[in-house]
Amino acid sequence: MNLGIIIILITALAFLSNLLNWKFLNSKITYFLYCIGAFIHEISHAIVCIITFAKIERFEVFSRTPQVIHRKSRLPIIGELLISFAPIAGGLLFLFSINNYLLGNYFELPAIYKWQDILSAPLNLISQINFLEWQSWIMILLFINTGAMLGPSLRDLKNVWLPLIILFFIDSAPLVSLGLLAISFILINIAIQIAIIFFLFLLGYLRRVLTSPKSPSW
């Protein structure tokens, strides 16, 4: 288990989440929720740019392709790595803060130390959801955004493809645990999206059945 594989998985799952959004859930509500995730994603890039002395040339959030255009960091290699993967740390910090300060630790966030926990952790979190309580709805809305919020873009990987190879040889238990937790959050994101897509498909099917002209009885 190493950081390189985890980064690739987070990126791939985030891409799948965004694809489901644009292909099957392309609505004003979805776009609004996507913008929340995109804002956390891009502001994380921007903050780390400032910390690592990388001049920001363009900061776009509320567009079809949110982005932060910046110059090279003055910290060789490590600066570019931190900037590219800042959304993972920034997104997790945002979710932890919402759960802690706004929701009063309503959700018990699982600690993940091995690959086997990737599936059990999302099920554990989903089991804590109570549709009758507003705290659960806050987290559901945030979970819909985790793909856009946490996942590095393909452009982010392209910017650090050479240093990324080094991560395939790094095995840090705390960083691996956070990476696996990010994967679990994105899996919840995808599970919610699939459930909504299925519900909309079923609703559309029932509407067509109920509104279609009935065949004459003989």
N, C-alpha and C. Protein backbone atom coordinates (compact mmCIF):
# COMPACT_ATOMS: atom_id res chain seq x y z
N MET A 1 0.85 -1.19 0.00
CA MET A 1 0.00 0.00 0.00
C MET A 1 0.89 1.24 0.00
N ASN A 2 0.73 2.12 -1.00
CA ASN A 2 1.57 3.31 -1.06
C ASN A 2 0.76 4.50 -1.54
N LEU A 3 1.35 5.68 -1.37
CA LEU A 3 0.64 6.92 -1.67
C LEU A 3 0.35 7.08 -3.15
N GLY A 4 1.23 6.58 -4.01
CA GLY A 4 1.03 6.72 -5.45
C GLY A 4 -0.27 6.05 -5.90
N ILE A 5 -0.49 4.82 -5.48
CA ILE A 5 -1.71 4.10 -5.85
C ILE A 5 -2.94 4.81 -5.32
N ILE A 6 -2.86 5.31 -4.09
CA ILE A 6 -4.00 6.00 -3.47
C ILE A 6 -4.34 7.27 -4.24
N ILE A 7 -3.32 8.03 -4.64
CA ILE A 7 -3.57 9.26 -5.41
C ILE A 7 -4.25 8.93 -6.74
N ILE A 8 -3.78 7.89 -7.42
CA ILE A 8 -4.39 7.50 -8.70
C ILE A 8 -5.84 7.09 -8.51
N LEU A 9 -6.14 6.33 -7.44
CA LEU A 9 -7.51 5.90 -7.17
C LEU A 9 -8.42 7.09 -6.85
N ILE A 10 -7.93 8.01 -6.04
CA ILE A 10 -8.72 9.20 -5.72
C ILE A 10 -9.05 9.97 -6.99
N THR A 11 -8.06 10.14 -7.85
CA THR A 11 -8.26 10.88 -9.11
C THR A 11 -9.27 10.18 -10.00
N ALA A 12 -9.14 8.85 -10.14
CA ALA A 12 -10.04 8.09 -11.02
C ALA A 12 -11.48 8.12 -10.51
N LEU A 13 -11.66 7.94 -9.20
CA LEU A 13 -13.01 7.94 -8.63
C LEU A 13 -13.63 9.33 -8.71
N ALA A 14 -12.82 10.36 -8.50
CA ALA A 14 -13.32 11.73 -8.61
C ALA A 14 -13.76 12.02 -10.05
N PHE A 15 -13.00 11.53 -11.03
CA PHE A 15 -13.37 11.70 -12.44
C PHE A 15 -14.70 11.02 -12.71
N LEU A 16 -14.89 9.79 -12.17
CA LEU A 16 -16.15 9.07 -12.35
C LEU A 16 -17.31 9.84 -11.73
N SER A 17 -17.08 10.39 -10.54
CA SER A 17 -18.12 11.17 -9.86
C SER A 17 -18.54 12.38 -10.70
N ASN A 18 -17.57 13.12 -11.20
CA ASN A 18 -17.88 14.30 -12.02
C ASN A 18 -18.56 13.90 -13.33
N LEU A 19 -18.17 12.76 -13.90
CA LEU A 19 -18.79 12.27 -15.13
C LEU A 19 -20.27 11.96 -14.90
N LEU A 20 -20.58 11.31 -13.78
CA LEU A 20 -21.97 11.00 -13.45
C LEU A 20 -22.78 12.28 -13.29
N ASN A 21 -22.15 13.30 -12.69
CA ASN A 21 -22.85 14.58 -12.52
C ASN A 21 -23.24 15.18 -13.86
N TRP A 22 -22.26 15.33 -14.75
CA TRP A 22 -22.51 16.03 -16.01
C TRP A 22 -23.34 15.20 -16.99
N LYS A 23 -23.25 13.88 -16.91
CA LYS A 23 -23.95 13.04 -17.88
C LYS A 23 -25.40 12.73 -17.46
N PHE A 24 -25.62 12.53 -16.14
CA PHE A 24 -26.94 12.08 -15.70
C PHE A 24 -27.63 13.03 -14.72
N LEU A 25 -26.88 13.93 -14.09
CA LEU A 25 -27.46 14.79 -13.06
C LEU A 25 -27.18 16.26 -13.37
N ASN A 26 -27.27 16.59 -14.64
CA ASN A 26 -26.92 17.95 -15.07
C ASN A 26 -28.11 18.89 -14.85
N SER A 27 -28.16 19.48 -13.67
CA SER A 27 -29.25 20.40 -13.33
C SER A 27 -28.69 21.59 -12.57
N LYS A 28 -29.53 22.58 -12.31
CA LYS A 28 -29.08 23.77 -11.58
C LYS A 28 -28.67 23.41 -10.16
N ILE A 29 -29.42 22.51 -9.53
CA ILE A 29 -29.08 22.10 -8.16
C ILE A 29 -27.74 21.39 -8.13
N THR A 30 -27.54 20.48 -9.08
CA THR A 30 -26.28 19.75 -9.15
C THR A 30 -25.12 20.70 -9.40
N TYR A 31 -25.34 21.68 -10.28
CA TYR A 31 -24.28 22.63 -10.58
C TYR A 31 -23.94 23.47 -9.35
N PHE A 32 -24.97 23.87 -8.59
CA PHE A 32 -24.73 24.63 -7.36
C PHE A 32 -23.90 23.82 -6.37
N LEU A 33 -24.27 22.54 -6.19
CA LEU A 33 -23.53 21.68 -5.27
C LEU A 33 -22.11 21.46 -5.78
N TYR A 34 -21.98 21.30 -7.10
CA TYR A 34 -20.65 21.13 -7.69
C TYR A 34 -19.78 22.35 -7.42
N CYS A 35 -20.39 23.54 -7.48
CA CYS A 35 -19.63 24.78 -7.24
C CYS A 35 -19.10 24.84 -5.82
N ILE A 36 -19.86 24.30 -4.86
CA ILE A 36 -19.37 24.27 -3.48
C ILE A 36 -18.11 23.42 -3.40
N GLY A 37 -18.17 22.23 -3.98
CA GLY A 37 -17.00 21.36 -3.98
C GLY A 37 -15.84 21.97 -4.73
N ALA A 38 -16.15 22.59 -5.88
CA ALA A 38 -15.10 23.20 -6.70
C ALA A 38 -14.44 24.37 -5.97
N PHE A 39 -15.23 25.12 -5.20
CA PHE A 39 -14.67 26.25 -4.45
C PHE A 39 -13.66 25.76 -3.42
N ILE A 40 -14.04 24.71 -2.65
CA ILE A 40 -13.11 24.16 -1.66
C ILE A 40 -11.87 23.62 -2.35
N HIS A 41 -12.05 22.97 -3.50
CA HIS A 41 -10.93 22.42 -4.27
C HIS A 41 -9.96 23.52 -4.69
N GLU A 42 -10.49 24.55 -5.32
CA GLU A 42 -9.62 25.59 -5.87
C GLU A 42 -9.04 26.50 -4.78
N ILE A 43 -9.80 26.76 -3.72
CA ILE A 43 -9.26 27.60 -2.65
C ILE A 43 -8.13 26.86 -1.93
N SER A 44 -8.20 25.52 -1.91
CA SER A 44 -7.10 24.73 -1.33
C SER A 44 -5.83 24.91 -2.16
N HIS A 45 -5.99 24.83 -3.49
CA HIS A 45 -4.85 25.10 -4.38
C HIS A 45 -4.27 26.49 -4.10
N ALA A 46 -5.16 27.48 -4.03
CA ALA A 46 -4.72 28.87 -3.90
C ALA A 46 -3.97 29.09 -2.58
N ILE A 47 -4.49 28.53 -1.49
CA ILE A 47 -3.85 28.72 -0.18
C ILE A 47 -2.45 28.14 -0.17
N VAL A 48 -2.32 26.94 -0.75
CA VAL A 48 -1.00 26.31 -0.76
C VAL A 48 -0.06 27.03 -1.72
N CYS A 49 -0.61 27.62 -2.79
CA CYS A 49 0.22 28.45 -3.68
C CYS A 49 0.86 29.59 -2.88
N ILE A 50 0.05 30.23 -2.04
CA ILE A 50 0.57 31.33 -1.23
C ILE A 50 1.62 30.84 -0.25
N ILE A 51 1.35 29.69 0.39
CA ILE A 51 2.28 29.15 1.38
C ILE A 51 3.61 28.77 0.75
N THR A 52 3.56 28.24 -0.48
CA THR A 52 4.79 27.76 -1.14
C THR A 52 5.37 28.78 -2.12
N PHE A 53 4.90 30.03 -2.04
CA PHE A 53 5.46 31.12 -2.85
C PHE A 53 5.32 30.88 -4.35
N ALA A 54 4.13 30.45 -4.75
CA ALA A 54 3.82 30.31 -6.18
C ALA A 54 2.81 31.39 -6.55
N LYS A 55 3.20 32.31 -7.41
CA LYS A 55 2.35 33.45 -7.75
C LYS A 55 1.11 32.99 -8.52
N ILE A 56 -0.07 33.42 -8.03
CA ILE A 56 -1.34 33.08 -8.68
C ILE A 56 -1.62 34.08 -9.79
N GLU A 57 -1.83 33.59 -11.02
CA GLU A 57 -2.11 34.46 -12.16
C GLU A 57 -3.60 34.51 -12.50
N ARG A 58 -4.32 33.43 -12.20
CA ARG A 58 -5.75 33.42 -12.47
C ARG A 58 -6.44 32.49 -11.47
N PHE A 59 -7.58 32.97 -10.95
CA PHE A 59 -8.36 32.18 -9.99
C PHE A 59 -9.80 32.16 -10.44
N GLU A 60 -10.26 31.02 -10.96
CA GLU A 60 -11.62 30.88 -11.47
C GLU A 60 -12.31 29.73 -10.75
N VAL A 61 -13.46 30.02 -10.19
CA VAL A 61 -14.21 28.99 -9.47
C VAL A 61 -15.56 28.75 -10.12
N PHE A 62 -16.33 29.82 -10.31
CA PHE A 62 -17.70 29.66 -10.78
C PHE A 62 -17.75 29.67 -12.31
N SER A 63 -17.15 28.63 -12.87
CA SER A 63 -17.15 28.44 -14.32
C SER A 63 -17.27 26.96 -14.62
N ARG A 64 -17.45 26.63 -15.89
CA ARG A 64 -17.58 25.22 -16.27
C ARG A 64 -16.29 24.46 -15.98
N THR A 65 -15.17 25.15 -16.07
CA THR A 65 -13.87 24.52 -15.79
C THR A 65 -13.13 25.35 -14.74
N PRO A 66 -13.45 25.16 -13.44
CA PRO A 66 -12.77 25.90 -12.38
C PRO A 66 -11.27 25.61 -12.40
N GLN A 67 -10.46 26.63 -12.10
CA GLN A 67 -9.02 26.43 -12.16
C GLN A 67 -8.27 27.52 -11.41
N VAL A 68 -7.05 27.17 -11.00
CA VAL A 68 -6.11 28.14 -10.46
C VAL A 68 -4.86 28.04 -11.33
N ILE A 69 -4.57 29.13 -12.02
CA ILE A 69 -3.36 29.19 -12.85
C ILE A 69 -2.28 29.88 -12.02
N HIS A 70 -1.15 29.22 -11.89
CA HIS A 70 -0.08 29.78 -11.06
C HIS A 70 1.28 29.51 -11.68
N ARG A 71 2.26 30.26 -11.22
CA ARG A 71 3.63 30.03 -11.65
C ARG A 71 4.26 28.94 -10.80
N LYS A 72 5.46 28.56 -11.16
CA LYS A 72 6.17 27.52 -10.41
C LYS A 72 6.41 27.96 -8.97
N SER A 73 6.30 26.99 -8.07
CA SER A 73 6.60 27.26 -6.66
C SER A 73 8.10 27.48 -6.47
N ARG A 74 8.44 28.31 -5.49
CA ARG A 74 9.84 28.53 -5.19
C ARG A 74 10.45 27.38 -4.40
N LEU A 75 9.59 26.45 -3.97
CA LEU A 75 10.08 25.25 -3.30
C LEU A 75 10.15 24.13 -4.33
N PRO A 76 11.33 23.75 -4.77
CA PRO A 76 11.46 22.75 -5.84
C PRO A 76 10.78 21.43 -5.48
N ILE A 77 10.08 20.86 -6.42
CA ILE A 77 9.43 19.55 -6.34
C ILE A 77 8.36 19.51 -5.26
N ILE A 78 8.74 19.68 -3.99
CA ILE A 78 7.79 19.54 -2.89
C ILE A 78 6.67 20.57 -2.99
N GLY A 79 7.01 21.79 -3.48
CA GLY A 79 6.00 22.83 -3.62
C GLY A 79 4.93 22.44 -4.62
N GLU A 80 5.35 21.93 -5.77
CA GLU A 80 4.38 21.52 -6.80
C GLU A 80 3.53 20.34 -6.33
N LEU A 81 4.14 19.42 -5.60
CA LEU A 81 3.39 18.29 -5.06
C LEU A 81 2.31 18.77 -4.10
N LEU A 82 2.69 19.67 -3.19
CA LEU A 82 1.74 20.17 -2.20
C LEU A 82 0.60 20.93 -2.87
N ILE A 83 0.91 21.71 -3.88
CA ILE A 83 -0.14 22.47 -4.60
C ILE A 83 -1.09 21.52 -5.32
N SER A 84 -0.55 20.54 -6.01
CA SER A 84 -1.39 19.63 -6.80
C SER A 84 -2.32 18.78 -5.94
N PHE A 85 -1.84 18.37 -4.77
CA PHE A 85 -2.64 17.48 -3.92
C PHE A 85 -3.28 18.20 -2.74
N ALA A 86 -3.24 19.54 -2.77
CA ALA A 86 -3.84 20.34 -1.70
C ALA A 86 -5.34 20.07 -1.51
N PRO A 87 -6.13 19.82 -2.60
CA PRO A 87 -7.57 19.59 -2.40
C PRO A 87 -7.88 18.38 -1.51
N ILE A 88 -7.03 17.38 -1.51
CA ILE A 88 -7.29 16.22 -0.65
C ILE A 88 -7.27 16.65 0.81
N ALA A 89 -6.20 17.35 1.20
CA ALA A 89 -6.08 17.82 2.58
C ALA A 89 -7.12 18.89 2.88
N GLY A 90 -7.31 19.84 1.95
CA GLY A 90 -8.27 20.92 2.17
C GLY A 90 -9.70 20.41 2.26
N GLY A 91 -10.05 19.46 1.39
CA GLY A 91 -11.41 18.91 1.42
C GLY A 91 -11.69 18.14 2.70
N LEU A 92 -10.72 17.32 3.12
CA LEU A 92 -10.90 16.57 4.36
C LEU A 92 -11.00 17.51 5.56
N LEU A 93 -10.16 18.54 5.58
CA LEU A 93 -10.21 19.51 6.68
C LEU A 93 -11.57 20.21 6.71
N PHE A 94 -12.10 20.55 5.54
CA PHE A 94 -13.41 21.20 5.46
C PHE A 94 -14.50 20.29 6.02
N LEU A 95 -14.50 19.02 5.61
CA LEU A 95 -15.52 18.08 6.08
C LEU A 95 -15.39 17.82 7.57
N PHE A 96 -14.15 17.68 8.06
CA PHE A 96 -13.93 17.50 9.50
C PHE A 96 -14.45 18.70 10.27
N SER A 97 -14.19 19.91 9.76
CA SER A 97 -14.60 21.14 10.45
C SER A 97 -16.13 21.27 10.50
N ILE A 98 -16.79 20.95 9.37
CA ILE A 98 -18.26 21.00 9.35
C ILE A 98 -18.83 20.03 10.37
N ASN A 99 -18.31 18.81 10.39
CA ASN A 99 -18.81 17.81 11.31
C ASN A 99 -18.54 18.21 12.76
N ASN A 100 -17.39 18.81 13.00
CA ASN A 100 -16.99 19.13 14.37
C ASN A 100 -17.69 20.39 14.89
N TYR A 101 -17.62 21.48 14.12
CA TYR A 101 -18.08 22.78 14.62
C TYR A 101 -19.55 23.08 14.30
N LEU A 102 -20.02 22.68 13.12
CA LEU A 102 -21.41 22.96 12.77
C LEU A 102 -22.35 21.87 13.26
N LEU A 103 -21.94 20.62 13.12
CA LEU A 103 -22.82 19.50 13.46
C LEU A 103 -22.56 18.92 14.85
N GLY A 104 -21.55 19.45 15.54
CA GLY A 104 -21.25 18.97 16.90
C GLY A 104 -20.85 17.50 16.94
N ASN A 105 -19.99 17.10 15.99
CA ASN A 105 -19.54 15.69 15.90
C ASN A 105 -20.73 14.74 15.79
N TYR A 106 -21.69 15.13 14.97
CA TYR A 106 -22.88 14.30 14.74
C TYR A 106 -22.50 12.95 14.16
N PHE A 107 -21.51 12.96 13.24
CA PHE A 107 -21.06 11.72 12.62
C PHE A 107 -19.76 11.27 13.26
N GLU A 108 -19.66 9.98 13.51
CA GLU A 108 -18.42 9.39 13.99
C GLU A 108 -17.61 8.96 12.77
N LEU A 109 -16.57 9.73 12.46
CA LEU A 109 -15.77 9.45 11.27
C LEU A 109 -14.84 8.28 11.53
N PRO A 110 -14.85 7.29 10.67
CA PRO A 110 -14.04 6.08 10.91
C PRO A 110 -12.55 6.31 10.64
N ALA A 111 -11.73 5.58 11.36
CA ALA A 111 -10.29 5.56 11.08
C ALA A 111 -10.03 4.37 10.17
N ILE A 112 -9.33 4.62 9.07
CA ILE A 112 -9.09 3.57 8.07
C ILE A 112 -7.59 3.32 7.96
N TYR A 113 -7.20 2.08 8.17
CA TYR A 113 -5.77 1.76 8.15
C TYR A 113 -5.41 0.73 7.10
N LYS A 114 -6.41 0.07 6.51
CA LYS A 114 -6.11 -0.96 5.52
C LYS A 114 -7.16 -0.95 4.42
N TRP A 115 -6.81 -1.59 3.29
CA TRP A 115 -7.69 -1.57 2.12
C TRP A 115 -9.07 -2.16 2.42
N GLN A 116 -9.13 -3.14 3.30
CA GLN A 116 -10.40 -3.79 3.59
C GLN A 116 -11.43 -2.84 4.19
N ASP A 117 -10.95 -1.75 4.78
CA ASP A 117 -11.87 -0.80 5.42
C ASP A 117 -12.51 0.16 4.42
N ILE A 118 -12.04 0.16 3.18
CA ILE A 118 -12.55 1.12 2.19
C ILE A 118 -14.05 0.93 1.97
N LEU A 119 -14.54 -0.31 1.98
CA LEU A 119 -15.95 -0.56 1.77
C LEU A 119 -16.75 -0.50 3.07
N SER A 120 -16.16 -0.96 4.16
CA SER A 120 -16.88 -0.96 5.43
C SER A 120 -17.06 0.46 5.97
N ALA A 121 -16.09 1.34 5.73
CA ALA A 121 -16.18 2.71 6.24
C ALA A 121 -17.36 3.47 5.63
N PRO A 122 -17.55 3.44 4.29
CA PRO A 122 -18.74 4.12 3.74
C PRO A 122 -20.05 3.56 4.28
N LEU A 123 -20.13 2.24 4.43
CA LEU A 123 -21.35 1.64 4.97
C LEU A 123 -21.58 2.10 6.40
N ASN A 124 -20.49 2.24 7.16
CA ASN A 124 -20.60 2.72 8.54
C ASN A 124 -21.15 4.14 8.59
N LEU A 125 -20.66 5.00 7.69
CA LEU A 125 -21.13 6.39 7.66
C LEU A 125 -22.57 6.48 7.18
N ILE A 126 -22.90 5.71 6.14
CA ILE A 126 -24.27 5.73 5.61
C ILE A 126 -25.26 5.25 6.66
N SER A 127 -24.84 4.27 7.49
CA SER A 127 -25.73 3.74 8.53
C SER A 127 -26.04 4.78 9.60
N GLN A 128 -25.21 5.82 9.70
CA GLN A 128 -25.43 6.87 10.71
C GLN A 128 -26.40 7.95 10.22
N ILE A 129 -26.78 7.89 8.94
CA ILE A 129 -27.68 8.91 8.38
C ILE A 129 -29.10 8.69 8.89
N ASN A 130 -29.70 9.77 9.37
CA ASN A 130 -31.09 9.76 9.80
C ASN A 130 -31.82 10.84 9.00
N PHE A 131 -32.69 10.43 8.08
CA PHE A 131 -33.35 11.37 7.18
C PHE A 131 -34.28 12.35 7.89
N LEU A 132 -34.57 12.11 9.17
CA LEU A 132 -35.44 13.00 9.92
C LEU A 132 -34.67 14.11 10.63
N GLU A 133 -33.35 14.11 10.52
CA GLU A 133 -32.54 15.10 11.20
C GLU A 133 -31.75 15.93 10.20
N TRP A 134 -31.72 17.24 10.42
CA TRP A 134 -31.12 18.16 9.46
C TRP A 134 -29.62 17.93 9.29
N GLN A 135 -28.96 17.45 10.35
CA GLN A 135 -27.52 17.21 10.25
C GLN A 135 -27.20 16.20 9.14
N SER A 136 -28.05 15.20 9.03
CA SER A 136 -27.82 14.19 7.99
C SER A 136 -27.95 14.79 6.59
N TRP A 137 -28.90 15.69 6.41
CA TRP A 137 -29.09 16.31 5.09
C TRP A 137 -27.92 17.21 4.73
N ILE A 138 -27.34 17.89 5.73
CA ILE A 138 -26.15 18.70 5.47
C ILE A 138 -25.03 17.83 4.94
N MET A 139 -24.82 16.68 5.59
CA MET A 139 -23.72 15.80 5.17
C MET A 139 -24.01 15.15 3.82
N ILE A 140 -25.27 14.82 3.55
CA ILE A 140 -25.62 14.25 2.25
C ILE A 140 -25.29 15.24 1.14
N LEU A 141 -25.66 16.51 1.34
CA LEU A 141 -25.37 17.54 0.33
C LEU A 141 -23.87 17.71 0.14
N LEU A 142 -23.11 17.63 1.24
CA LEU A 142 -21.66 17.76 1.13
C LEU A 142 -21.04 16.52 0.49
N PHE A 143 -21.57 15.36 0.81
CA PHE A 143 -21.03 14.13 0.22
C PHE A 143 -21.22 14.09 -1.29
N ILE A 144 -22.28 14.73 -1.79
CA ILE A 144 -22.50 14.77 -3.23
C ILE A 144 -21.36 15.51 -3.94
N ASN A 145 -20.67 16.37 -3.18
CA ASN A 145 -19.60 17.19 -3.75
C ASN A 145 -18.21 16.61 -3.60
N THR A 146 -18.04 15.52 -2.87
CA THR A 146 -16.69 15.11 -2.49
C THR A 146 -15.81 14.75 -3.68
N GLY A 147 -16.40 14.28 -4.77
CA GLY A 147 -15.58 13.99 -5.95
C GLY A 147 -14.91 15.25 -6.48
N ALA A 148 -15.71 16.32 -6.63
CA ALA A 148 -15.15 17.59 -7.10
C ALA A 148 -14.27 18.24 -6.05
N MET A 149 -14.57 17.99 -4.79
CA MET A 149 -13.87 18.64 -3.69
C MET A 149 -12.48 18.05 -3.45
N LEU A 150 -12.40 16.72 -3.41
CA LEU A 150 -11.18 16.05 -2.98
C LEU A 150 -10.26 15.61 -4.11
N GLY A 151 -10.81 15.34 -5.26
CA GLY A 151 -10.02 14.68 -6.30
C GLY A 151 -9.12 15.61 -7.08
N PRO A 152 -7.83 15.31 -7.15
CA PRO A 152 -6.94 16.06 -8.06
C PRO A 152 -7.40 15.88 -9.50
N SER A 153 -7.28 16.91 -10.30
CA SER A 153 -7.65 16.80 -11.70
C SER A 153 -6.52 16.15 -12.49
N LEU A 154 -6.83 15.79 -13.73
CA LEU A 154 -5.80 15.22 -14.59
C LEU A 154 -4.69 16.25 -14.83
N ARG A 155 -5.08 17.53 -14.86
CA ARG A 155 -4.08 18.58 -15.01
C ARG A 155 -3.14 18.63 -13.80
N ASP A 156 -3.72 18.41 -12.60
CA ASP A 156 -2.89 18.39 -11.39
C ASP A 156 -1.85 17.28 -11.46
N LEU A 157 -2.28 16.10 -11.93
CA LEU A 157 -1.34 14.98 -12.05
C LEU A 157 -0.28 15.27 -13.11
N LYS A 158 -0.71 15.89 -14.21
CA LYS A 158 0.23 16.19 -15.29
C LYS A 158 1.33 17.14 -14.81
N ASN A 159 0.97 18.05 -13.91
CA ASN A 159 1.95 19.03 -13.41
C ASN A 159 3.03 18.38 -12.55
N VAL A 160 2.72 17.20 -11.98
CA VAL A 160 3.68 16.58 -11.06
C VAL A 160 3.92 15.11 -11.40
N TRP A 161 3.83 14.78 -12.70
CA TRP A 161 3.90 13.36 -13.05
C TRP A 161 5.24 12.73 -12.66
N LEU A 162 6.33 13.49 -12.73
CA LEU A 162 7.62 12.92 -12.36
C LEU A 162 7.75 12.73 -10.84
N PRO A 163 7.45 13.76 -10.01
CA PRO A 163 7.50 13.53 -8.56
C PRO A 163 6.48 12.49 -8.09
N LEU A 164 5.36 12.36 -8.85
CA LEU A 164 4.34 11.39 -8.47
C LEU A 164 4.91 9.97 -8.43
N ILE A 165 5.86 9.69 -9.31
CA ILE A 165 6.48 8.36 -9.34
C ILE A 165 7.14 8.05 -8.00
N ILE A 166 7.69 9.08 -7.36
CA ILE A 166 8.35 8.88 -6.06
C ILE A 166 7.34 8.40 -5.01
N LEU A 167 6.08 8.88 -5.12
CA LEU A 167 5.06 8.51 -4.13
C LEU A 167 4.74 7.02 -4.16
N PHE A 168 5.06 6.35 -5.28
CA PHE A 168 4.82 4.91 -5.35
C PHE A 168 5.78 4.12 -4.46
N PHE A 169 6.77 4.81 -3.93
CA PHE A 169 7.74 4.15 -3.06
C PHE A 169 7.66 4.67 -1.63
N ILE A 170 6.60 5.45 -1.33
CA ILE A 170 6.43 6.01 0.01
C ILE A 170 5.23 5.34 0.68
N ASP A 171 5.45 4.84 1.87
CA ASP A 171 4.38 4.19 2.64
C ASP A 171 4.33 4.84 4.02
N SER A 172 3.50 5.88 4.15
CA SER A 172 3.36 6.61 5.41
C SER A 172 1.98 6.31 5.98
N ALA A 173 1.91 5.65 7.13
CA ALA A 173 0.65 5.20 7.71
C ALA A 173 -0.36 6.34 7.90
N PRO A 174 0.01 7.49 8.47
CA PRO A 174 -0.98 8.58 8.65
C PRO A 174 -1.51 9.10 7.31
N LEU A 175 -0.61 9.29 6.32
CA LEU A 175 -1.04 9.80 5.01
C LEU A 175 -1.88 8.77 4.27
N VAL A 176 -1.50 7.51 4.38
CA VAL A 176 -2.28 6.44 3.76
C VAL A 176 -3.68 6.39 4.36
N SER A 177 -3.78 6.54 5.68
CA SER A 177 -5.08 6.52 6.35
C SER A 177 -5.98 7.65 5.86
N LEU A 178 -5.42 8.85 5.72
CA LEU A 178 -6.19 9.98 5.22
C LEU A 178 -6.60 9.76 3.76
N GLY A 179 -5.69 9.19 2.97
CA GLY A 179 -6.00 8.90 1.58
C GLY A 179 -7.13 7.89 1.44
N LEU A 180 -7.11 6.86 2.26
CA LEU A 180 -8.17 5.85 2.23
C LEU A 180 -9.50 6.45 2.68
N LEU A 181 -9.44 7.38 3.64
CA LEU A 181 -10.67 8.04 4.08
C LEU A 181 -11.24 8.89 2.94
N ALA A 182 -10.37 9.57 2.20
CA ALA A 182 -10.83 10.35 1.04
C ALA A 182 -11.50 9.44 0.01
N ILE A 183 -10.91 8.27 -0.24
CA ILE A 183 -11.51 7.31 -1.17
C ILE A 183 -12.90 6.90 -0.68
N SER A 184 -13.03 6.65 0.63
CA SER A 184 -14.33 6.25 1.20
C SER A 184 -15.37 7.33 1.00
N PHE A 185 -14.98 8.60 1.20
CA PHE A 185 -15.92 9.70 1.02
C PHE A 185 -16.39 9.78 -0.44
N ILE A 186 -15.46 9.60 -1.38
CA ILE A 186 -15.84 9.67 -2.79
C ILE A 186 -16.73 8.48 -3.16
N LEU A 187 -16.50 7.33 -2.56
CA LEU A 187 -17.37 6.18 -2.81
C LEU A 187 -18.79 6.46 -2.31
N ILE A 188 -18.91 7.15 -1.16
CA ILE A 188 -20.24 7.56 -0.70
C ILE A 188 -20.86 8.51 -1.71
N ASN A 189 -20.07 9.44 -2.20
CA ASN A 189 -20.51 10.37 -3.24
C ASN A 189 -21.10 9.59 -4.42
N ILE A 190 -20.37 8.63 -4.93
CA ILE A 190 -20.82 7.86 -6.10
C ILE A 190 -22.07 7.05 -5.77
N ALA A 191 -22.13 6.47 -4.57
CA ALA A 191 -23.30 5.68 -4.17
C ALA A 191 -24.55 6.55 -4.13
N ILE A 192 -24.43 7.77 -3.60
CA ILE A 192 -25.58 8.69 -3.56
C ILE A 192 -25.99 9.08 -4.97
N GLN A 193 -25.01 9.34 -5.83
CA GLN A 193 -25.32 9.71 -7.22
C GLN A 193 -26.07 8.58 -7.91
N ILE A 194 -25.61 7.35 -7.76
CA ILE A 194 -26.25 6.20 -8.40
C ILE A 194 -27.68 6.04 -7.88
N ALA A 195 -27.88 6.23 -6.57
CA ALA A 195 -29.22 6.13 -5.99
C ALA A 195 -30.14 7.19 -6.57
N ILE A 196 -29.65 8.43 -6.73
CA ILE A 196 -30.46 9.50 -7.30
C ILE A 196 -30.78 9.22 -8.77
N ILE A 197 -29.77 8.74 -9.51
CA ILE A 197 -29.98 8.41 -10.93
C ILE A 197 -31.04 7.32 -11.08
N PHE A 198 -30.95 6.28 -10.24
CA PHE A 198 -31.94 5.20 -10.28
C PHE A 198 -33.34 5.72 -9.95
N PHE A 199 -33.41 6.60 -8.93
CA PHE A 199 -34.72 7.16 -8.55
C PHE A 199 -35.31 7.98 -9.68
N LEU A 200 -34.49 8.80 -10.33
CA LEU A 200 -34.97 9.63 -11.44
C LEU A 200 -35.40 8.76 -12.62
N PHE A 201 -34.63 7.69 -12.87
CA PHE A 201 -34.99 6.77 -13.95
C PHE A 201 -36.33 6.10 -13.65
N LEU A 202 -36.51 5.64 -12.41
CA LEU A 202 -37.76 4.99 -12.02
C LEU A 202 -38.92 5.97 -12.09
N LEU A 203 -38.69 7.21 -11.66
CA LEU A 203 -39.73 8.23 -11.71
C LEU A 203 -40.13 8.52 -13.16
N GLY A 204 -39.14 8.62 -14.05
CA GLY A 204 -39.43 8.86 -15.46
C GLY A 204 -40.18 7.71 -16.09
N TYR A 205 -39.80 6.48 -15.71
CA TYR A 205 -40.48 5.29 -16.25
C TYR A 205 -41.94 5.26 -15.82
N LEU A 206 -42.18 5.53 -14.53
CA LEU A 206 -43.57 5.52 -14.03
C LEU A 206 -44.39 6.62 -14.69
N ARG A 207 -43.77 7.78 -14.93
CA ARG A 207 -44.49 8.87 -15.57
C ARG A 207 -44.88 8.49 -16.99
N ARG A 208 -43.95 7.82 -17.72
CA ARG A 208 -44.27 7.41 -19.09
C ARG A 208 -45.38 6.36 -19.11
N VAL A 209 -45.35 5.45 -18.15
CA VAL A 209 -46.37 4.41 -18.09
C VAL A 209 -47.74 5.00 -17.78
N LEU A 210 -47.77 5.94 -16.85
CA LEU A 210 -49.05 6.52 -16.43
C LEU A 210 -49.64 7.47 -17.46
N THR A 211 -48.77 8.10 -18.27
CA THR A 211 -49.25 9.09 -19.24
C THR A 211 -49.41 8.52 -20.64
N SER A 212 -48.93 7.31 -20.89
CA SER A 212 -49.04 6.74 -22.24
C SER A 212 -50.48 6.30 -22.49
N PRO A 213 -50.95 6.46 -23.74
CA PRO A 213 -52.34 6.06 -24.06
C PRO A 213 -52.49 4.54 -23.90
N LYS A 214 -53.61 4.18 -23.29
CA LYS A 214 -53.86 2.75 -23.07
C LYS A 214 -54.34 2.08 -24.34
N SER A 215 -53.94 0.85 -24.48
CA SER A 215 -54.40 0.06 -25.65
C SER A 215 -55.87 -0.24 -25.51
N PRO A 216 -56.63 -0.18 -26.60
CA PRO A 216 -58.07 -0.46 -26.52
C PRO A 216 -58.32 -1.91 -26.12
N SER A 217 -59.32 -2.08 -25.30
CA SER A 217 -59.68 -3.46 -24.89
C SER A 217 -60.69 -4.02 -25.89
N TRP A 218 -60.55 -5.23 -26.22
CA TRP A 218 -61.42 -5.85 -27.21
C TRP A 218 -62.32 -6.86 -26.52
